[in-house]
Amino acid sequence: MQTITGLRLKRDRRGVSNIIVVVLSLVIIIAITSNVVLWSYQMNQLDWEKIKEVVKISNSTRIIAYSPWFVVQGEYTVKDGSHVNGSYEDTQVANDGRWETFEEGEETPNYRLGVNGTFIIDVSPYLSWSVSTVEIQLRYRASDAGEKWYLKAYDWTAETYSDSGFNSTTGHTPTREWDNYAVNLTDQWRSYVQDDGTMRVEFCDEGNDAARTTVDIDFLGVRIVASGTRFTFKNEGALTSHLVSLWINNSTNHQRYDINVIVNSGETLNYTRADISLPSGQYTVKVVTERGNTAVYSGS
């Protein structure tokens, strides 16, 4: 009797084990099947979205583009004069009601003043051949309208401050009110800007005179003037497109740029880059979306 009962218990245990194995197998099969179905659905969804996305490049145009202003990051060095009040930080923003004041030296009748500062231009976004020039902009007020003032830059080769090659070397005559004075370095800018973007700018008077002048500097900055590009993107699809990269190609160069541009369905968008210059001759522009679609434009 005990033997028969033991055999029945063994059979019952085997039956329970078989049931557990079958249930676990079903769970595993269902999980795998669900993942396959979900993956298939996601793939179909991505394929559907990719098909529905239609982006075109309708135009690319060469433009003149300007970098942000780069301002002095430390106190000016005063030459042949004195600092009266304010700080270099007061010369970083124009028309903000703050300025820095300097005064010509005390050696009558030979009053003189010159101040200079170091500027760091971010040249990394620009190809050197795409830079047209570098511009210096000054907003100042002088108490004496009887002498001219000059903007110069440090020539790293000649090791002196100079305005040789500037678009204007005649100086600026103040009005005793706030005046704007700007010059650019033409194609000679490489003599005044080091490879790391370091540039030194000097603001000085015309020479010895008998009137002691006080000068307020509201803003002094430098910026790059480059040959930029305006691209026109058009989204003719039913979905919003995210443009992630752009290529400029010609027979000798293939240049890739990262971009982050959202173009809504039905939208035509102008996108300007100061650090992209179109090559001469035949070229192609290619843009790639986040979904992997591309659009190509040919120009010259």
Protein backbone atom coordinates (compact mmCIF):
# COMPACT_ATOMS: atom_id res chain seq x y z
CA MET A 1 0.00 0.00 0.00
CA GLN A 2 2.83 2.38 0.89
CA THR A 3 4.54 1.54 -2.40
CA ILE A 4 1.41 2.39 -4.40
CA THR A 5 1.01 5.69 -2.52
CA GLY A 6 4.65 6.63 -3.18
CA LEU A 7 4.29 5.96 -6.88
CA ARG A 8 1.21 8.16 -7.04
CA LEU A 9 3.05 11.04 -5.28
CA LYS A 10 5.94 10.77 -7.76
CA ARG A 11 3.49 10.88 -10.68
CA ASP A 12 1.73 13.90 -9.15
CA ARG A 13 5.04 15.71 -8.72
CA ARG A 14 5.99 14.98 -12.32
CA GLY A 15 2.61 16.32 -13.42
CA VAL A 16 3.03 19.53 -11.45
CA SER A 17 6.56 19.97 -12.86
CA ASN A 18 5.27 19.49 -16.38
CA ILE A 19 2.54 22.04 -15.79
CA ILE A 20 5.07 24.56 -14.42
CA VAL A 21 7.37 24.00 -17.41
CA VAL A 22 4.46 24.49 -19.81
CA VAL A 23 3.31 27.68 -18.05
CA LEU A 24 6.83 29.14 -17.99
CA SER A 25 7.26 28.25 -21.65
CA LEU A 26 4.01 30.01 -22.48
CA VAL A 27 5.13 33.10 -20.53
CA ILE A 28 8.45 33.17 -22.38
CA ILE A 29 6.73 32.67 -25.75
CA ILE A 30 4.23 35.45 -25.00
CA ALA A 31 7.04 37.81 -23.91
CA ILE A 32 9.07 37.10 -27.05
CA THR A 33 6.01 37.44 -29.26
CA SER A 34 5.05 40.74 -27.60
CA ASN A 35 8.53 42.15 -28.08
CA VAL A 36 8.57 41.07 -31.71
CA VAL A 37 5.15 42.63 -32.30
CA LEU A 38 6.17 45.84 -30.49
CA TRP A 39 9.48 46.02 -32.38
CA SER A 40 7.65 45.42 -35.65
CA TYR A 41 5.15 48.14 -34.79
CA GLN A 42 7.93 50.57 -33.91
CA MET A 43 9.80 49.77 -37.10
CA ASN A 44 6.64 50.24 -39.11
CA GLN A 45 6.00 53.54 -37.31
CA LEU A 46 9.53 54.78 -38.06
CA ASP A 47 9.26 53.66 -41.67
CA TRP A 48 5.90 55.43 -41.95
CA GLU A 49 7.31 58.65 -40.45
CA LYS A 50 10.34 58.51 -42.73
CA ILE A 51 8.13 58.12 -45.79
CA LYS A 52 5.91 61.02 -44.72
CA GLU A 53 8.88 63.36 -44.16
CA VAL A 54 9.63 65.57 -47.20
CA VAL A 55 12.25 68.29 -46.73
CA LYS A 56 13.73 70.38 -49.53
CA ILE A 57 16.47 73.01 -49.85
CA SER A 58 15.04 75.69 -52.10
CA ASN A 59 17.96 78.13 -52.03
CA SER A 60 21.39 79.02 -50.65
CA THR A 61 22.62 82.62 -50.79
CA ARG A 62 25.95 84.25 -50.01
CA ILE A 63 25.60 87.06 -47.47
CA ILE A 64 27.75 89.31 -45.34
CA ALA A 65 27.61 87.98 -41.79
CA TYR A 66 28.78 89.48 -38.53
CA SER A 67 30.05 87.70 -35.45
CA PRO A 68 29.02 88.82 -31.96
CA TRP A 69 30.97 91.70 -30.47
CA PHE A 70 34.04 90.68 -28.48
CA VAL A 71 34.86 93.09 -25.66
CA VAL A 72 37.89 93.65 -23.46
CA GLN A 73 38.12 91.20 -20.55
CA GLY A 74 40.55 93.11 -18.35
CA GLU A 75 41.34 96.68 -17.35
CA TYR A 76 42.80 98.96 -20.00
CA THR A 77 46.43 100.02 -19.88
CA VAL A 78 46.67 103.81 -19.72
CA LYS A 79 49.42 105.55 -21.70
CA ASP A 80 50.32 109.23 -21.22
CA GLY A 81 47.25 109.95 -19.14
CA SER A 82 45.24 108.76 -16.16
CA HIS A 83 42.20 106.75 -15.21
CA VAL A 84 39.47 108.87 -13.57
CA ASN A 85 36.62 106.52 -12.72
CA GLY A 86 34.62 103.52 -13.87
CA SER A 87 35.99 100.14 -14.95
CA TYR A 88 36.51 98.14 -18.13
CA GLU A 89 33.18 96.36 -17.48
CA ASP A 90 31.43 99.70 -18.07
CA THR A 91 32.71 99.66 -21.68
CA GLN A 92 31.26 96.26 -22.61
CA VAL A 93 27.67 97.34 -23.37
CA ALA A 94 26.64 100.44 -25.32
CA ASN A 95 23.94 102.85 -24.13
CA ASP A 96 23.57 101.28 -20.69
CA GLY A 97 24.20 104.48 -18.75
CA ARG A 98 27.66 103.33 -17.61
CA TRP A 99 31.08 104.32 -18.95
CA GLU A 100 34.72 104.58 -18.01
CA THR A 101 36.48 107.95 -17.85
CA PHE A 102 40.09 108.84 -18.69
CA GLU A 103 41.96 112.14 -18.77
CA GLU A 104 44.98 113.43 -20.62
CA GLY A 105 48.23 113.80 -18.68
CA GLU A 106 49.20 116.91 -16.72
CA GLU A 107 52.27 117.98 -18.68
CA THR A 108 51.07 121.26 -20.16
CA PRO A 109 51.16 122.22 -22.96
CA ASN A 110 51.75 118.68 -24.13
CA TYR A 111 48.56 116.93 -23.02
CA ARG A 112 48.44 113.35 -24.25
CA LEU A 113 46.23 110.27 -23.72
CA GLY A 114 46.25 106.69 -24.98
CA VAL A 115 44.56 103.56 -23.66
CA ASN A 116 44.84 100.00 -24.94
CA GLY A 117 43.26 96.67 -24.12
CA THR A 118 43.44 93.02 -25.13
CA PHE A 119 40.54 91.32 -26.91
CA ILE A 120 40.04 87.61 -27.56
CA ILE A 121 38.07 86.85 -30.72
CA ASP A 122 36.52 83.40 -31.04
CA VAL A 123 37.89 82.47 -34.47
CA SER A 124 37.06 78.74 -34.19
CA PRO A 125 33.75 78.86 -36.12
CA TYR A 126 35.34 80.58 -39.12
CA LEU A 127 37.50 79.36 -41.95
CA SER A 128 40.25 81.93 -42.45
CA TRP A 129 39.44 82.35 -46.14
CA SER A 130 35.80 83.17 -45.30
CA VAL A 131 36.75 86.16 -43.09
CA SER A 132 36.51 89.45 -44.99
CA THR A 133 37.83 91.73 -42.27
CA VAL A 134 37.72 92.62 -38.58
CA GLU A 135 35.83 95.72 -37.43
CA ILE A 136 36.52 97.95 -34.41
CA GLN A 137 33.62 99.95 -32.97
CA LEU A 138 33.93 102.76 -30.39
CA ARG A 139 31.30 104.89 -28.68
CA TYR A 140 32.94 107.78 -26.81
CA ARG A 141 32.56 111.37 -25.64
CA ALA A 142 35.40 113.91 -25.50
CA SER A 143 35.36 117.26 -23.70
CA ASP A 144 37.44 118.92 -26.41
CA ALA A 145 36.44 119.03 -30.09
CA GLY A 146 39.72 120.56 -31.20
CA GLU A 147 41.77 117.39 -31.79
CA LYS A 148 41.28 114.10 -33.57
CA TRP A 149 41.26 110.63 -32.03
CA TYR A 150 42.49 107.40 -33.57
CA LEU A 151 41.82 103.69 -33.35
CA LYS A 152 44.83 101.47 -33.92
CA ALA A 153 45.70 97.79 -33.44
CA TYR A 154 48.88 95.98 -32.52
CA ASP A 155 50.76 94.69 -35.55
CA TRP A 156 52.26 91.39 -34.35
CA THR A 157 54.88 91.36 -37.10
CA ALA A 158 56.00 94.99 -36.82
CA GLU A 159 55.57 94.84 -33.02
CA THR A 160 53.90 98.25 -32.80
CA TYR A 161 50.44 99.81 -32.77
CA SER A 162 49.43 100.85 -36.25
CA ASP A 163 46.51 101.65 -38.55
CA SER A 164 48.36 100.66 -41.72
CA GLY A 165 45.93 99.01 -44.14
CA PHE A 166 42.82 100.20 -42.27
CA ASN A 167 39.91 101.42 -44.37
CA SER A 168 40.34 104.83 -42.73
CA THR A 169 43.46 106.37 -41.20
CA THR A 170 42.26 109.98 -40.94
CA GLY A 171 41.01 109.71 -37.36
CA HIS A 172 37.77 111.04 -35.90
CA THR A 173 36.88 114.53 -34.69
CA PRO A 174 34.53 114.48 -31.66
CA THR A 175 31.51 116.74 -31.12
CA ARG A 176 31.55 116.83 -27.29
CA GLU A 177 28.45 114.61 -27.46
CA TRP A 178 28.40 110.81 -27.69
CA ASP A 179 30.05 109.84 -30.98
CA ASN A 180 30.38 106.52 -32.82
CA TYR A 181 33.70 105.83 -34.49
CA ALA A 182 34.34 102.65 -36.48
CA VAL A 183 37.16 101.32 -38.64
CA ASN A 184 37.91 97.98 -40.24
CA LEU A 185 41.20 96.27 -40.95
CA THR A 186 40.38 95.39 -44.60
CA ASP A 187 42.22 92.31 -45.85
CA GLN A 188 45.16 93.21 -43.60
CA TRP A 189 43.38 91.82 -40.54
CA ARG A 190 45.76 88.82 -40.31
CA SER A 191 48.58 91.19 -39.32
CA TYR A 192 46.59 92.28 -36.28
CA VAL A 193 44.86 89.07 -35.13
CA GLN A 194 46.86 86.10 -33.89
CA ASP A 195 45.86 82.53 -34.72
CA ASP A 196 44.25 82.12 -31.28
CA GLY A 197 42.16 85.27 -31.81
CA THR A 198 44.20 87.61 -29.60
CA MET A 199 43.99 91.25 -30.66
CA ARG A 200 45.14 94.46 -28.98
CA VAL A 201 43.36 97.75 -29.67
CA GLU A 202 44.57 101.26 -28.86
CA PHE A 203 42.56 104.48 -28.65
CA CYS A 204 44.75 107.58 -28.68
CA ASP A 205 44.75 111.31 -29.37
CA GLU A 206 46.22 113.13 -32.35
CA GLY A 207 49.26 114.50 -30.55
CA ASN A 208 50.43 117.25 -28.25
CA ASP A 209 47.92 120.02 -27.60
CA ALA A 210 47.29 122.74 -25.04
CA ALA A 211 43.78 121.64 -23.97
CA ARG A 212 43.52 118.90 -21.35
CA THR A 213 40.76 116.55 -22.53
CA THR A 214 38.55 114.17 -20.57
CA VAL A 215 37.26 111.14 -22.49
CA ASP A 216 34.37 108.83 -21.60
CA ILE A 217 34.35 105.38 -23.25
CA ASP A 218 30.91 103.80 -23.33
CA PHE A 219 31.70 100.87 -25.64
CA LEU A 220 34.73 99.39 -27.37
CA GLY A 221 34.49 96.08 -29.19
CA VAL A 222 35.73 94.08 -32.15
CA ARG A 223 33.95 91.63 -34.42
CA ILE A 224 34.51 89.46 -37.46
CA VAL A 225 32.94 90.32 -40.80
CA ALA A 226 32.66 87.11 -42.81
CA SER A 227 31.13 85.72 -45.95
CA GLY A 228 28.19 83.81 -44.53
CA THR A 229 25.37 81.82 -46.07
CA ARG A 230 21.58 81.88 -45.81
CA PHE A 231 19.85 78.54 -46.51
CA THR A 232 16.16 78.21 -47.24
CA PHE A 233 14.53 74.96 -46.05
CA LYS A 234 11.00 73.93 -46.96
CA ASN A 235 9.02 71.17 -45.23
CA GLU A 236 6.52 69.73 -47.69
CA GLY A 237 5.73 66.70 -45.54
CA ALA A 238 3.05 66.02 -42.94
CA LEU A 239 5.44 65.87 -39.98
CA THR A 240 7.77 68.27 -38.18
CA SER A 241 11.37 67.73 -39.29
CA HIS A 242 14.53 68.00 -37.22
CA LEU A 243 17.61 68.85 -39.31
CA VAL A 244 20.79 67.63 -37.65
CA SER A 245 23.65 67.98 -40.14
CA LEU A 246 24.58 69.94 -43.24
CA TRP A 247 27.20 69.28 -45.90
CA ILE A 248 28.89 71.67 -48.34
CA ASN A 249 30.58 69.72 -51.12
CA ASN A 250 32.48 70.58 -54.27
CA SER A 251 35.07 68.83 -56.39
CA THR A 252 37.86 69.31 -53.84
CA ASN A 253 36.23 69.67 -50.42
CA HIS A 254 33.54 67.93 -48.35
CA GLN A 255 32.70 69.87 -45.20
CA ARG A 256 30.19 68.73 -42.55
CA TYR A 257 28.48 71.05 -40.03
CA ASP A 258 26.30 70.17 -37.05
CA ILE A 259 22.97 71.99 -37.04
CA ASN A 260 19.87 71.93 -34.87
CA VAL A 261 16.95 73.23 -36.91
CA ILE A 262 13.24 72.47 -36.48
CA VAL A 263 11.03 72.97 -39.55
CA ASN A 264 7.31 72.55 -39.01
CA SER A 265 5.03 70.95 -41.56
CA GLY A 266 4.32 73.35 -44.42
CA GLU A 267 6.89 75.86 -43.16
CA THR A 268 9.57 77.64 -45.20
CA LEU A 269 12.49 78.62 -42.96
CA ASN A 270 15.56 80.81 -43.60
CA TYR A 271 18.63 79.61 -41.69
CA THR A 272 21.73 81.84 -41.55
CA ARG A 273 25.26 80.74 -40.64
CA ALA A 274 28.07 83.28 -40.33
CA ASP A 275 30.65 80.48 -40.15
CA ILE A 276 29.70 78.80 -43.43
CA SER A 277 30.98 80.23 -46.69
CA LEU A 278 29.95 78.81 -50.06
CA PRO A 279 32.86 77.86 -52.33
CA SER A 280 33.29 79.38 -55.74
CA GLY A 281 32.16 77.40 -58.78
CA GLN A 282 29.81 74.44 -58.67
CA TYR A 283 28.83 73.08 -55.27
CA THR A 284 26.13 71.01 -53.59
CA VAL A 285 24.40 71.48 -50.26
CA LYS A 286 23.05 68.42 -48.46
CA VAL A 287 20.97 68.41 -45.30
CA VAL A 288 20.22 65.30 -43.19
CA THR A 289 17.23 64.89 -40.87
CA GLU A 290 17.07 63.00 -37.59
CA ARG A 291 14.98 60.31 -39.35
CA GLY A 292 17.73 59.78 -41.91
CA ASN A 293 16.20 61.55 -44.90
CA THR A 294 18.31 63.87 -47.04
CA ALA A 295 17.76 66.84 -49.30
CA VAL A 296 20.25 68.12 -51.89
CA TYR A 297 20.61 71.51 -53.57
CA SER A 298 23.05 72.38 -56.39
CA GLY A 299 24.37 75.87 -56.92
CA SER A 300 27.24 77.93 -58.29
